[in-house]
Amino acid sequence: MQLSIEDQRLLEDLCRQNGVSYKKVQELLAIEQSFEFKERRTGIYEALKEVLKAKSDS
């Protein structure tokens, strides 16, 4: 997912303030974007769960 520099900084700040992995949020957004225009979004929940289950490397 391509974010503007301003949006990246805002997302990084929000993640830091809330103790959330910025990299993990980026991965979740990328998955959502990859399913965005599909007529059926079969498999999106499984893909999101895999990212959430993966070890966090902040």
C-alpha atoms as a PDB file:
ATOM      1  CA  MET A   1       0.000   0.000   0.000  1.00  0.00           C
ATOM      2  CA  GLN A   2       1.385   3.362  -1.011  1.00  0.00           C
ATOM      3  CA  LEU A   3       0.878   6.052   1.626  1.00  0.00           C
ATOM      4  CA  SER A   4       2.014   9.656   1.446  1.00  0.00           C
ATOM      5  CA  ILE A   5       4.908  10.573   3.717  1.00  0.00           C
ATOM      6  CA  GLU A   6       2.524  12.533   5.939  1.00  0.00           C
ATOM      7  CA  ASP A   7       0.178   9.547   6.216  1.00  0.00           C
ATOM      8  CA  GLN A   8       3.102   7.221   6.997  1.00  0.00           C
ATOM      9  CA  ARG A   9       4.278   9.477   9.806  1.00  0.00           C
ATOM     10  CA  LEU A  10       0.759   9.738  11.213  1.00  0.00           C
ATOM     11  CA  LEU A  11       0.310   5.967  11.100  1.00  0.00           C
ATOM     12  CA  GLU A  12       3.716   5.424  12.726  1.00  0.00           C
ATOM     13  CA  ASP A  13       2.821   7.880  15.512  1.00  0.00           C
ATOM     14  CA  LEU A  14      -0.552   6.236  16.100  1.00  0.00           C
ATOM     15  CA  CYS A  15       1.016   2.774  16.201  1.00  0.00           C
ATOM     16  CA  ARG A  16       3.700   3.926  18.630  1.00  0.00           C
ATOM     17  CA  GLN A  17       1.129   5.637  20.898  1.00  0.00           C
ATOM     18  CA  ASN A  18      -1.014   2.505  20.989  1.00  0.00           C
ATOM     19  CA  GLY A  19       1.737  -0.106  21.196  1.00  0.00           C
ATOM     20  CA  VAL A  20       0.913  -1.630  17.826  1.00  0.00           C
ATOM     21  CA  SER A  21       3.463  -2.909  15.332  1.00  0.00           C
ATOM     22  CA  TYR A  22       3.688  -0.507  12.388  1.00  0.00           C
ATOM     23  CA  LYS A  23       4.957  -3.304  10.145  1.00  0.00           C
ATOM     24  CA  LYS A  24       2.003  -5.516  11.091  1.00  0.00           C
ATOM     25  CA  VAL A  25      -0.484  -2.733  10.328  1.00  0.00           C
ATOM     26  CA  GLN A  26       1.169  -2.236   6.933  1.00  0.00           C
ATOM     27  CA  GLU A  27       0.824  -5.950   6.222  1.00  0.00           C
ATOM     28  CA  LEU A  28      -2.855  -5.912   7.185  1.00  0.00           C
ATOM     29  CA  LEU A  29      -3.495  -2.901   4.951  1.00  0.00           C
ATOM     30  CA  ALA A  30      -1.668  -4.576   2.058  1.00  0.00           C
ATOM     31  CA  ILE A  31      -3.812  -7.693   2.409  1.00  0.00           C
ATOM     32  CA  GLU A  32      -6.996  -5.644   2.491  1.00  0.00           C
ATOM     33  CA  GLN A  33      -5.883  -3.771  -0.608  1.00  0.00           C
ATOM     34  CA  SER A  34      -5.089  -7.005  -2.450  1.00  0.00           C
ATOM     35  CA  PHE A  35      -8.692  -8.145  -1.868  1.00  0.00           C
ATOM     36  CA  GLU A  36     -10.235  -4.722  -2.508  1.00  0.00           C
ATOM     37  CA  PHE A  37     -11.629  -5.202  -6.002  1.00  0.00           C
ATOM     38  CA  LYS A  38     -12.373  -8.909  -5.877  1.00  0.00           C
ATOM     39  CA  GLU A  39     -15.996  -9.810  -6.323  1.00  0.00           C
ATOM     40  CA  ARG A  40     -15.660 -12.356  -3.524  1.00  0.00           C
ATOM     41  CA  ARG A  41     -13.167 -11.797  -0.782  1.00  0.00           C
ATOM     42  CA  THR A  42     -12.822 -15.471   0.072  1.00  0.00           C
ATOM     43  CA  GLY A  43      -9.707 -16.052   2.133  1.00  0.00           C
ATOM     44  CA  ILE A  44      -9.259 -12.522   3.472  1.00  0.00           C
ATOM     45  CA  TYR A  45     -10.012 -13.491   7.090  1.00  0.00           C
ATOM     46  CA  GLU A  46      -7.528 -16.349   6.985  1.00  0.00           C
ATOM     47  CA  ALA A  47      -4.851 -14.066   5.521  1.00  0.00           C
ATOM     48  CA  LEU A  48      -5.493 -11.424   8.183  1.00  0.00           C
ATOM     49  CA  LYS A  49      -5.420 -14.039  10.958  1.00  0.00           C
ATOM     50  CA  GLU A  50      -2.035 -15.295   9.771  1.00  0.00           C
ATOM     51  CA  VAL A  51      -0.541 -11.803  10.062  1.00  0.00           C
ATOM     52  CA  LEU A  52      -2.073 -11.321  13.492  1.00  0.00           C
ATOM     53  CA  LYS A  53      -0.799 -14.718  14.715  1.00  0.00           C
ATOM     54  CA  ALA A  54       2.743 -14.105  13.453  1.00  0.00           C
ATOM     55  CA  LYS A  55       5.335 -13.095  15.986  1.00  0.00           C
ATOM     56  CA  SER A  56       5.490  -9.327  16.320  1.00  0.00           C
ATOM     57  CA  ASP A  57       8.772  -7.679  15.399  1.00  0.00           C
ATOM     58  CA  SER A  58       7.630  -4.119  16.088  1.00  0.00           C
END
